[in-house]
Amino acid sequence: MVSNAEAIRMMRINQMLTYYSCLEKIIRKDALFYRTTRDQYDGDSPEDRKEFTLGGVLLALSDVREFIEMMDNLNEWICRYPEYQTKPFGKKLKDNVFNFDSEIEVFHHLKEKGIEPKLNPRINTDSRQNLDFDVHIGSNRFFIEVLTPRMSKDLEEEFEDGSCGCYDPDRGLGPKNQEPFSRVKTLIKEEIAKHIDLSSESVDAPIILVINNTYSMWEIPGTQSPFESLALPESICGILFYDRYGNSRFFTNPAVRMEDEETQFFLSLMQID
C-alpha cells in the first residue's frame, strides 16, 4: 500500500523524468527507480547523509542548479550515443548516477576528440574483468578506467563535528591519516582495488585512470602527482584528474615512457574550452 506522501513523491519523480526523453526510454520504473538514496558506505551510511540515486536527483532537481546541468548533459549524451541507449545502462544509472554520468561524460570527450572508444574491453584475452574503454591514441592502444570517488565517511564526520583544518590535505584527515596527502593515497588505492584486480593478471594495454574528483576534491585536490607517494604498477601509466569546473591535471607514471602526443592528448581531454 502506497501512502499519499509516497504517491506524491513518485509522481514528482515521474514528472521530472518526462523532461529527459532519451533517458526516460532506458529507465524501467521499478522500486529501484523510486528509491531516492543509496548506502554509499556499504551499510554504514547515516540516514541523513546517504547519497542520492537517480530518483533522488530528479526529486531535488528544482532545488539544485548543478543537478539541472548534470541531467541536461546526461540526456543529451544518451540521445547522441546509441552505445548508451540501453536498458542495462539505465539500470546502472538508477542506483549509481554519479559514477555512470562520469563514464558517459568521458566517452563524450573522447568522441569530441575524434576517438572511437570500444566499451567494456577485457583486461586481457583470458580474463573476465572489464575496464571502461579501449582506445587508440596515434598508433598506441590504451585502456581507460573512469573513477568517481566520494567524500570519505571520515571527512563527512569531521565536517559534521566542525574540526579545524579538516579540509587541509597537508594535515591528513583525522587520527588515522596523519601523513601528508595520506587520504589521497588511501582513496586511490581503494578505488583501484574496487575496479581493477592487478594481483595476478597481465594487462593487454597500459591503463589510464580518469578520476572525476568533483565530489572528493577536498581530499583529492588533483594538484599533486600520486606517483610521488604511491607505488603503482607500470600497467597504470597515467592518472587524469578532472572536475565539473573545468580543472584538469594529468600525471604520468615516471616508470613508463609516454609519447608527447599521448601526454598532450590526455592533458587536454577533459579541459573545457
C-alpha atoms as a PDB file:
ATOM      1  CA  MET A   1       0.000   0.000   0.000  1.00  0.00           C
ATOM      2  CA  VAL A   2       1.499   3.314  -1.105  1.00  0.00           C
ATOM      3  CA  SER A   3       0.948   6.267   1.203  1.00  0.00           C
ATOM      4  CA  ASN A   4      -0.163   9.663  -0.072  1.00  0.00           C
ATOM      5  CA  ALA A   5       3.307  11.080   0.563  1.00  0.00           C
ATOM      6  CA  GLU A   6       4.942   8.248  -1.372  1.00  0.00           C
ATOM      7  CA  ALA A   7       2.477   8.639  -4.237  1.00  0.00           C
ATOM      8  CA  ILE A   8       3.234  12.362  -4.474  1.00  0.00           C
ATOM      9  CA  ARG A   9       6.977  11.666  -4.400  1.00  0.00           C
ATOM     10  CA  MET A  10       6.679   9.076  -7.182  1.00  0.00           C
ATOM     11  CA  MET A  11       4.522  11.405  -9.261  1.00  0.00           C
ATOM     12  CA  ARG A  12       7.096  14.185  -8.882  1.00  0.00           C
ATOM     13  CA  ILE A  13       9.945  11.876  -9.960  1.00  0.00           C
ATOM     14  CA  ASN A  14       7.920  10.730 -12.971  1.00  0.00           C
ATOM     15  CA  GLN A  15       7.146  14.318 -13.899  1.00  0.00           C
ATOM     16  CA  MET A  16      10.805  15.332 -13.798  1.00  0.00           C
ATOM     17  CA  LEU A  17      11.816  12.334 -15.906  1.00  0.00           C
ATOM     18  CA  THR A  18       9.497  13.439 -18.736  1.00  0.00           C
ATOM     19  CA  TYR A  19      11.825  16.396 -19.382  1.00  0.00           C
ATOM     20  CA  TYR A  20      14.543  13.923 -20.423  1.00  0.00           C
ATOM     21  CA  SER A  21      13.082  11.886 -23.279  1.00  0.00           C
ATOM     22  CA  CYS A  22      16.187   9.838 -24.166  1.00  0.00           C
ATOM     23  CA  LEU A  23      16.877   8.994 -20.534  1.00  0.00           C
ATOM     24  CA  GLU A  24      13.216   8.093 -19.999  1.00  0.00           C
ATOM     25  CA  LYS A  25      13.369   5.498 -22.782  1.00  0.00           C
ATOM     26  CA  ILE A  26      16.019   3.446 -20.965  1.00  0.00           C
ATOM     27  CA  ILE A  27      14.529   3.661 -17.457  1.00  0.00           C
ATOM     28  CA  ARG A  28      12.336   0.912 -16.042  1.00  0.00           C
ATOM     29  CA  LYS A  29      10.036   2.397 -13.419  1.00  0.00           C
ATOM     30  CA  ASP A  30      10.561  -0.159 -10.685  1.00  0.00           C
ATOM     31  CA  ALA A  31      11.285   0.029  -6.960  1.00  0.00           C
ATOM     32  CA  LEU A  32      14.940   0.891  -7.601  1.00  0.00           C
ATOM     33  CA  PHE A  33      13.966   3.918  -9.660  1.00  0.00           C
ATOM     34  CA  TYR A  34      11.745   5.317  -6.901  1.00  0.00           C
ATOM     35  CA  ARG A  35      14.334   4.759  -4.203  1.00  0.00           C
ATOM     36  CA  THR A  36      15.873   8.191  -3.629  1.00  0.00           C
ATOM     37  CA  THR A  37      19.057   7.371  -1.670  1.00  0.00           C
ATOM     38  CA  ARG A  38      21.760   4.727  -1.619  1.00  0.00           C
ATOM     39  CA  ASP A  39      24.125   3.497   1.081  1.00  0.00           C
ATOM     40  CA  GLN A  40      27.468   4.646  -0.326  1.00  0.00           C
ATOM     41  CA  TYR A  41      29.373   3.457   2.759  1.00  0.00           C
ATOM     42  CA  ASP A  42      28.315  -0.200   2.439  1.00  0.00           C
ATOM     43  CA  GLY A  43      25.939  -0.483   5.345  1.00  0.00           C
ATOM     44  CA  ASP A  44      27.469   2.283   7.422  1.00  0.00           C
ATOM     45  CA  SER A  45      25.870   5.419   5.965  1.00  0.00           C
ATOM     46  CA  PRO A  46      23.898   7.628   8.366  1.00  0.00           C
ATOM     47  CA  GLU A  47      20.367   8.113   7.053  1.00  0.00           C
ATOM     48  CA  ASP A  48      20.767  11.882   6.724  1.00  0.00           C
ATOM     49  CA  ARG A  49      23.985  11.576   4.702  1.00  0.00           C
ATOM     50  CA  LYS A  50      23.077   8.865   2.211  1.00  0.00           C
ATOM     51  CA  GLU A  51      23.830   9.630  -1.423  1.00  0.00           C
ATOM     52  CA  PHE A  52      21.159  10.449  -3.987  1.00  0.00           C
ATOM     53  CA  THR A  53      20.154   7.875  -6.570  1.00  0.00           C
ATOM     54  CA  LEU A  54      18.810   8.979  -9.961  1.00  0.00           C
ATOM     55  CA  GLY A  55      15.333   9.201  -8.408  1.00  0.00           C
ATOM     56  CA  GLY A  56      16.717  11.401  -5.651  1.00  0.00           C
ATOM     57  CA  VAL A  57      18.444  13.691  -8.138  1.00  0.00           C
ATOM     58  CA  LEU A  58      15.192  14.066 -10.113  1.00  0.00           C
ATOM     59  CA  LEU A  59      13.241  14.761  -6.927  1.00  0.00           C
ATOM     60  CA  ALA A  60      15.699  17.504  -5.894  1.00  0.00           C
ATOM     61  CA  LEU A  61      16.111  18.862  -9.406  1.00  0.00           C
ATOM     62  CA  SER A  62      14.355  22.191  -8.930  1.00  0.00           C
ATOM     63  CA  ASP A  63      16.377  22.930  -5.785  1.00  0.00           C
ATOM     64  CA  VAL A  64      19.903  22.154  -7.027  1.00  0.00           C
ATOM     65  CA  ARG A  65      21.146  24.029 -10.079  1.00  0.00           C
ATOM     66  CA  GLU A  66      24.092  21.684 -10.565  1.00  0.00           C
ATOM     67  CA  PHE A  67      21.686  18.761 -10.892  1.00  0.00           C
ATOM     68  CA  ILE A  68      19.850  20.509 -13.736  1.00  0.00           C
ATOM     69  CA  GLU A  69      23.093  20.955 -15.688  1.00  0.00           C
ATOM     70  CA  MET A  70      24.105  17.370 -14.929  1.00  0.00           C
ATOM     71  CA  MET A  71      20.784  15.931 -16.121  1.00  0.00           C
ATOM     72  CA  ASP A  72      20.667  18.128 -19.223  1.00  0.00           C
ATOM     73  CA  ASN A  73      24.104  16.895 -20.262  1.00  0.00           C
ATOM     74  CA  LEU A  74      23.338  13.279 -19.397  1.00  0.00           C
ATOM     75  CA  ASN A  75      20.185  13.272 -21.528  1.00  0.00           C
ATOM     76  CA  GLU A  76      21.968  14.979 -24.425  1.00  0.00           C
ATOM     77  CA  TRP A  77      24.760  12.390 -24.396  1.00  0.00           C
ATOM     78  CA  ILE A  78      22.337   9.480 -24.267  1.00  0.00           C
ATOM     79  CA  CYS A  79      20.468  10.982 -27.237  1.00  0.00           C
ATOM     80  CA  ARG A  80      23.731  11.343 -29.150  1.00  0.00           C
ATOM     81  CA  TYR A  81      25.365   7.981 -28.481  1.00  0.00           C
ATOM     82  CA  PRO A  82      23.498   4.746 -29.339  1.00  0.00           C
ATOM     83  CA  GLU A  83      26.021   2.783 -27.249  1.00  0.00           C
ATOM     84  CA  TYR A  84      24.306   4.160 -24.137  1.00  0.00           C
ATOM     85  CA  GLN A  85      20.691   3.907 -25.294  1.00  0.00           C
ATOM     86  CA  THR A  86      20.250   0.612 -23.483  1.00  0.00           C
ATOM     87  CA  LYS A  87      18.210  -0.720 -20.568  1.00  0.00           C
ATOM     88  CA  PRO A  88      21.343  -2.115 -18.839  1.00  0.00           C
ATOM     89  CA  PHE A  89      22.871   1.388 -18.808  1.00  0.00           C
ATOM     90  CA  GLY A  90      19.586   2.768 -17.478  1.00  0.00           C
ATOM     91  CA  LYS A  91      19.696   0.230 -14.658  1.00  0.00           C
ATOM     92  CA  LYS A  92      23.238   1.297 -13.761  1.00  0.00           C
ATOM     93  CA  LEU A  93      22.206   4.954 -13.718  1.00  0.00           C
ATOM     94  CA  LYS A  94      19.268   4.336 -11.383  1.00  0.00           C
ATOM     95  CA  ASP A  95      21.442   3.219  -8.494  1.00  0.00           C
ATOM     96  CA  ASN A  96      24.735   4.984  -9.160  1.00  0.00           C
ATOM     97  CA  VAL A  97      24.033   8.027 -11.282  1.00  0.00           C
ATOM     98  CA  PHE A  98      27.236   9.901 -10.381  1.00  0.00           C
ATOM     99  CA  ASN A  99      29.544   7.045 -11.418  1.00  0.00           C
ATOM    100  CA  PHE A 100      27.906   6.388 -14.746  1.00  0.00           C
ATOM    101  CA  ASP A 101      27.361  10.048 -15.549  1.00  0.00           C
ATOM    102  CA  SER A 102      31.165  10.351 -15.327  1.00  0.00           C
ATOM    103  CA  GLU A 103      31.588   7.363 -17.650  1.00  0.00           C
ATOM    104  CA  ILE A 104      29.415   8.774 -20.418  1.00  0.00           C
ATOM    105  CA  GLU A 105      30.990  12.212 -19.897  1.00  0.00           C
ATOM    106  CA  VAL A 106      34.465  10.804 -20.577  1.00  0.00           C
ATOM    107  CA  PHE A 107      33.072   8.871 -23.557  1.00  0.00           C
ATOM    108  CA  HIS A 108      31.665  12.147 -24.922  1.00  0.00           C
ATOM    109  CA  HIS A 109      35.002  13.925 -24.583  1.00  0.00           C
ATOM    110  CA  LEU A 110      36.798  11.075 -26.326  1.00  0.00           C
ATOM    111  CA  LYS A 111      34.327  11.257 -29.211  1.00  0.00           C
ATOM    112  CA  GLU A 112      34.747  15.021 -29.410  1.00  0.00           C
ATOM    113  CA  LYS A 113      38.485  14.434 -29.817  1.00  0.00           C
ATOM    114  CA  GLY A 114      37.864  12.115 -32.763  1.00  0.00           C
ATOM    115  CA  ILE A 115      38.439   8.882 -30.817  1.00  0.00           C
ATOM    116  CA  GLU A 116      36.209   5.817 -31.259  1.00  0.00           C
ATOM    117  CA  PRO A 117      36.210   4.093 -27.843  1.00  0.00           C
ATOM    118  CA  LYS A 118      35.335   0.421 -27.541  1.00  0.00           C
ATOM    119  CA  LEU A 119      33.240  -0.216 -24.441  1.00  0.00           C
ATOM    120  CA  ASN A 120      33.961  -2.791 -21.733  1.00  0.00           C
ATOM    121  CA  PRO A 121      37.218  -4.301 -23.045  1.00  0.00           C
ATOM    122  CA  ARG A 122      38.651  -7.291 -21.204  1.00  0.00           C
ATOM    123  CA  ILE A 123      41.829  -6.522 -19.312  1.00  0.00           C
ATOM    124  CA  ASN A 124      43.434  -9.455 -21.134  1.00  0.00           C
ATOM    125  CA  THR A 125      42.225 -12.136 -23.503  1.00  0.00           C
ATOM    126  CA  ASP A 126      41.876 -14.756 -20.746  1.00  0.00           C
ATOM    127  CA  SER A 127      40.146 -12.540 -18.190  1.00  0.00           C
ATOM    128  CA  ARG A 128      36.507 -11.824 -17.448  1.00  0.00           C
ATOM    129  CA  GLN A 129      37.463  -8.486 -15.889  1.00  0.00           C
ATOM    130  CA  ASN A 130      36.364  -5.472 -17.907  1.00  0.00           C
ATOM    131  CA  LEU A 131      37.556  -1.893 -17.962  1.00  0.00           C
ATOM    132  CA  ASP A 132      35.562   1.059 -19.317  1.00  0.00           C
ATOM    133  CA  PHE A 133      37.197   1.906 -22.651  1.00  0.00           C
ATOM    134  CA  ASP A 134      39.703   0.639 -25.175  1.00  0.00           C
ATOM    135  CA  VAL A 135      41.149   3.478 -27.278  1.00  0.00           C
ATOM    136  CA  HIS A 136      43.934   4.118 -29.762  1.00  0.00           C
ATOM    137  CA  ILE A 137      45.901   7.342 -29.457  1.00  0.00           C
ATOM    138  CA  GLY A 138      48.092   7.586 -32.510  1.00  0.00           C
ATOM    139  CA  SER A 139      49.486   4.105 -33.039  1.00  0.00           C
ATOM    140  CA  ASN A 140      49.298   3.038 -29.394  1.00  0.00           C
ATOM    141  CA  ARG A 141      46.487   1.330 -27.510  1.00  0.00           C
ATOM    142  CA  PHE A 142      45.276   2.266 -24.010  1.00  0.00           C
ATOM    143  CA  PHE A 143      42.640   1.118 -21.576  1.00  0.00           C
ATOM    144  CA  ILE A 144      40.720   3.805 -19.679  1.00  0.00           C
ATOM    145  CA  GLU A 145      39.036   3.245 -16.330  1.00  0.00           C
ATOM    146  CA  VAL A 146      36.811   6.054 -15.008  1.00  0.00           C
ATOM    147  CA  LEU A 147      36.602   6.514 -11.226  1.00  0.00           C
ATOM    148  CA  THR A 148      34.275   8.825  -9.296  1.00  0.00           C
ATOM    149  CA  PRO A 149      35.313   8.782  -5.629  1.00  0.00           C
ATOM    150  CA  ARG A 150      33.121  10.436  -2.996  1.00  0.00           C
ATOM    151  CA  MET A 151      33.937  12.291   0.156  1.00  0.00           C
ATOM    152  CA  SER A 152      35.006   9.712   2.723  1.00  0.00           C
ATOM    153  CA  LYS A 153      32.875   8.930   5.758  1.00  0.00           C
ATOM    154  CA  ASP A 154      35.760  10.163   7.918  1.00  0.00           C
ATOM    155  CA  LEU A 155      35.701  13.587   6.275  1.00  0.00           C
ATOM    156  CA  GLU A 156      31.918  13.813   6.493  1.00  0.00           C
ATOM    157  CA  GLU A 157      32.180  13.146  10.227  1.00  0.00           C
ATOM    158  CA  GLU A 158      34.988  15.700  10.587  1.00  0.00           C
ATOM    159  CA  PHE A 159      32.846  18.212   8.711  1.00  0.00           C
ATOM    160  CA  GLU A 160      29.826  17.499  10.911  1.00  0.00           C
ATOM    161  CA  ASP A 161      31.980  17.955  14.020  1.00  0.00           C
ATOM    162  CA  GLY A 162      33.438  21.198  12.706  1.00  0.00           C
ATOM    163  CA  SER A 163      37.027  20.026  13.094  1.00  0.00           C
ATOM    164  CA  CYS A 164      39.596  22.728  12.438  1.00  0.00           C
ATOM    165  CA  GLY A 165      41.686  22.120   9.333  1.00  0.00           C
ATOM    166  CA  CYS A 166      39.755  19.079   8.180  1.00  0.00           C
ATOM    167  CA  TYR A 167      39.938  20.290   4.561  1.00  0.00           C
ATOM    168  CA  ASP A 168      43.719  20.674   4.622  1.00  0.00           C
ATOM    169  CA  PRO A 169      45.232  17.688   2.764  1.00  0.00           C
ATOM    170  CA  ASP A 170      48.708  18.548   4.110  1.00  0.00           C
ATOM    171  CA  ARG A 171      47.445  17.709   7.591  1.00  0.00           C
ATOM    172  CA  GLY A 172      45.845  14.428   6.646  1.00  0.00           C
ATOM    173  CA  LEU A 173      42.401  13.525   7.864  1.00  0.00           C
ATOM    174  CA  GLY A 174      41.740  12.660  11.489  1.00  0.00           C
ATOM    175  CA  PRO A 175      43.841  10.413  13.726  1.00  0.00           C
ATOM    176  CA  LYS A 176      44.127   7.613  11.173  1.00  0.00           C
ATOM    177  CA  ASN A 177      45.618   9.798   8.434  1.00  0.00           C
ATOM    178  CA  GLN A 178      48.434  11.964   9.676  1.00  0.00           C
ATOM    179  CA  GLU A 179      50.881  11.742   6.783  1.00  0.00           C
ATOM    180  CA  PRO A 180      50.841  14.455   4.099  1.00  0.00           C
ATOM    181  CA  PHE A 181      48.244  13.665   1.430  1.00  0.00           C
ATOM    182  CA  SER A 182      47.563  10.351   3.151  1.00  0.00           C
ATOM    183  CA  ARG A 183      43.899  10.357   2.178  1.00  0.00           C
ATOM    184  CA  VAL A 184      44.864  10.772  -1.471  1.00  0.00           C
ATOM    185  CA  LYS A 185      46.922   7.604  -1.259  1.00  0.00           C
ATOM    186  CA  THR A 186      44.258   5.716   0.680  1.00  0.00           C
ATOM    187  CA  LEU A 187      41.402   6.675  -1.602  1.00  0.00           C
ATOM    188  CA  ILE A 188      43.233   5.949  -4.851  1.00  0.00           C
ATOM    189  CA  LYS A 189      44.297   2.561  -3.517  1.00  0.00           C
ATOM    190  CA  GLU A 190      40.709   1.810  -2.537  1.00  0.00           C
ATOM    191  CA  GLU A 191      39.348   2.887  -5.912  1.00  0.00           C
ATOM    192  CA  ILE A 192      41.887   0.814  -7.831  1.00  0.00           C
ATOM    193  CA  ALA A 193      41.084  -2.204  -5.659  1.00  0.00           C
ATOM    194  CA  LYS A 194      37.352  -1.812  -6.373  1.00  0.00           C
ATOM    195  CA  HIS A 195      37.760  -1.615 -10.134  1.00  0.00           C
ATOM    196  CA  ILE A 196      40.987  -3.346 -11.165  1.00  0.00           C
ATOM    197  CA  ASP A 197      42.454  -6.610  -9.912  1.00  0.00           C
ATOM    198  CA  LEU A 198      46.120  -6.447 -10.826  1.00  0.00           C
ATOM    199  CA  SER A 199      47.248  -9.107  -8.375  1.00  0.00           C
ATOM    200  CA  SER A 200      47.629 -11.961 -10.814  1.00  0.00           C
ATOM    201  CA  GLU A 201      46.596 -10.739 -14.228  1.00  0.00           C
ATOM    202  CA  SER A 202      48.563  -9.440 -17.159  1.00  0.00           C
ATOM    203  CA  VAL A 203      47.256  -6.356 -18.922  1.00  0.00           C
ATOM    204  CA  ASP A 204      46.928  -6.186 -22.704  1.00  0.00           C
ATOM    205  CA  ALA A 205      47.365  -2.395 -22.807  1.00  0.00           C
ATOM    206  CA  PRO A 206      48.560   0.305 -20.398  1.00  0.00           C
ATOM    207  CA  ILE A 207      45.807   1.773 -18.220  1.00  0.00           C
ATOM    208  CA  ILE A 208      44.882   5.424 -17.808  1.00  0.00           C
ATOM    209  CA  LEU A 209      42.837   6.225 -14.695  1.00  0.00           C
ATOM    210  CA  VAL A 210      40.453   9.131 -15.248  1.00  0.00           C
ATOM    211  CA  ILE A 211      39.298  10.385 -11.849  1.00  0.00           C
ATOM    212  CA  ASN A 212      36.356  12.762 -11.519  1.00  0.00           C
ATOM    213  CA  ASN A 213      37.254  14.359  -8.199  1.00  0.00           C
ATOM    214  CA  THR A 214      34.316  16.805  -8.168  1.00  0.00           C
ATOM    215  CA  TYR A 215      32.870  15.096  -5.093  1.00  0.00           C
ATOM    216  CA  SER A 216      36.154  14.431  -3.288  1.00  0.00           C
ATOM    217  CA  MET A 217      38.344  17.396  -4.176  1.00  0.00           C
ATOM    218  CA  TRP A 218      38.809  18.394  -0.532  1.00  0.00           C
ATOM    219  CA  GLU A 219      40.588  15.080  -0.079  1.00  0.00           C
ATOM    220  CA  ILE A 220      41.914  14.608  -3.616  1.00  0.00           C
ATOM    221  CA  PRO A 221      42.709  18.096  -4.900  1.00  0.00           C
ATOM    222  CA  GLY A 222      44.337  16.625  -8.008  1.00  0.00           C
ATOM    223  CA  THR A 223      47.243  19.061  -7.821  1.00  0.00           C
ATOM    224  CA  GLN A 224      49.993  16.646  -6.784  1.00  0.00           C
ATOM    225  CA  SER A 225      51.167  13.616  -8.683  1.00  0.00           C
ATOM    226  CA  PRO A 226      50.027  10.471  -6.855  1.00  0.00           C
ATOM    227  CA  PHE A 227      53.049   8.698  -8.327  1.00  0.00           C
ATOM    228  CA  GLU A 228      55.286  10.711  -5.980  1.00  0.00           C
ATOM    229  CA  SER A 229      53.929   8.995  -2.873  1.00  0.00           C
ATOM    230  CA  LEU A 230      52.048   5.946  -4.107  1.00  0.00           C
ATOM    231  CA  ALA A 231      53.719   2.872  -5.562  1.00  0.00           C
ATOM    232  CA  LEU A 232      51.633   1.903  -8.586  1.00  0.00           C
ATOM    233  CA  PRO A 233      52.383  -0.822 -11.130  1.00  0.00           C
ATOM    234  CA  GLU A 234      53.729   0.093 -14.545  1.00  0.00           C
ATOM    235  CA  SER A 235      50.447  -1.113 -16.049  1.00  0.00           C
ATOM    236  CA  ILE A 236      48.914   2.141 -14.747  1.00  0.00           C
ATOM    237  CA  CYS A 237      50.750   4.603 -16.939  1.00  0.00           C
ATOM    238  CA  GLY A 238      48.869   7.792 -16.136  1.00  0.00           C
ATOM    239  CA  ILE A 239      46.241   9.418 -13.931  1.00  0.00           C
ATOM    240  CA  LEU A 240      43.992  12.225 -15.118  1.00  0.00           C
ATOM    241  CA  PHE A 241      42.093  14.275 -12.515  1.00  0.00           C
ATOM    242  CA  TYR A 242      39.227  16.493 -13.589  1.00  0.00           C
ATOM    243  CA  ASP A 243      36.164  18.192 -12.121  1.00  0.00           C
ATOM    244  CA  ARG A 244      32.991  19.805 -13.401  1.00  0.00           C
ATOM    245  CA  TYR A 245      34.508  23.274 -13.004  1.00  0.00           C
ATOM    246  CA  GLY A 246      36.986  22.749 -15.854  1.00  0.00           C
ATOM    247  CA  ASN A 247      40.061  21.903 -13.789  1.00  0.00           C
ATOM    248  CA  SER A 248      42.149  19.124 -15.292  1.00  0.00           C
ATOM    249  CA  ARG A 249      45.590  17.687 -14.443  1.00  0.00           C
ATOM    250  CA  PHE A 250      47.369  14.705 -15.978  1.00  0.00           C
ATOM    251  CA  PHE A 251      50.261  12.863 -14.317  1.00  0.00           C
ATOM    252  CA  THR A 252      52.374  10.170 -15.927  1.00  0.00           C
ATOM    253  CA  ASN A 253      53.972   7.206 -14.222  1.00  0.00           C
ATOM    254  CA  PRO A 254      57.708   8.015 -14.107  1.00  0.00           C
ATOM    255  CA  ALA A 255      58.452   4.319 -14.672  1.00  0.00           C
ATOM    256  CA  VAL A 256      56.701   4.432 -18.049  1.00  0.00           C
ATOM    257  CA  ARG A 257      57.606   6.451 -21.125  1.00  0.00           C
ATOM    258  CA  MET A 258      54.713   8.056 -22.963  1.00  0.00           C
ATOM    259  CA  GLU A 259      54.958   9.847 -26.289  1.00  0.00           C
ATOM    260  CA  ASP A 260      54.480  13.624 -26.207  1.00  0.00           C
ATOM    261  CA  GLU A 261      51.424  13.279 -28.462  1.00  0.00           C
ATOM    262  CA  GLU A 262      49.810  10.897 -25.969  1.00  0.00           C
ATOM    263  CA  THR A 263      50.610  13.071 -22.967  1.00  0.00           C
ATOM    264  CA  GLN A 264      49.198  16.152 -24.670  1.00  0.00           C
ATOM    265  CA  PHE A 265      46.052  14.263 -25.616  1.00  0.00           C
ATOM    266  CA  PHE A 266      45.262  13.282 -22.033  1.00  0.00           C
ATOM    267  CA  LEU A 267      46.261  16.722 -20.739  1.00  0.00           C
ATOM    268  CA  SER A 268      43.589  18.282 -22.929  1.00  0.00           C
ATOM    269  CA  LEU A 269      40.944  15.530 -22.857  1.00  0.00           C
ATOM    270  CA  MET A 270      38.700  16.902 -20.087  1.00  0.00           C
ATOM    271  CA  GLN A 271      39.518  20.586 -20.392  1.00  0.00           C
ATOM    272  CA  ILE A 272      36.554  22.852 -21.117  1.00  0.00           C
ATOM    273  CA  ASP A 273      37.171  25.285 -23.964  1.00  0.00           C
END
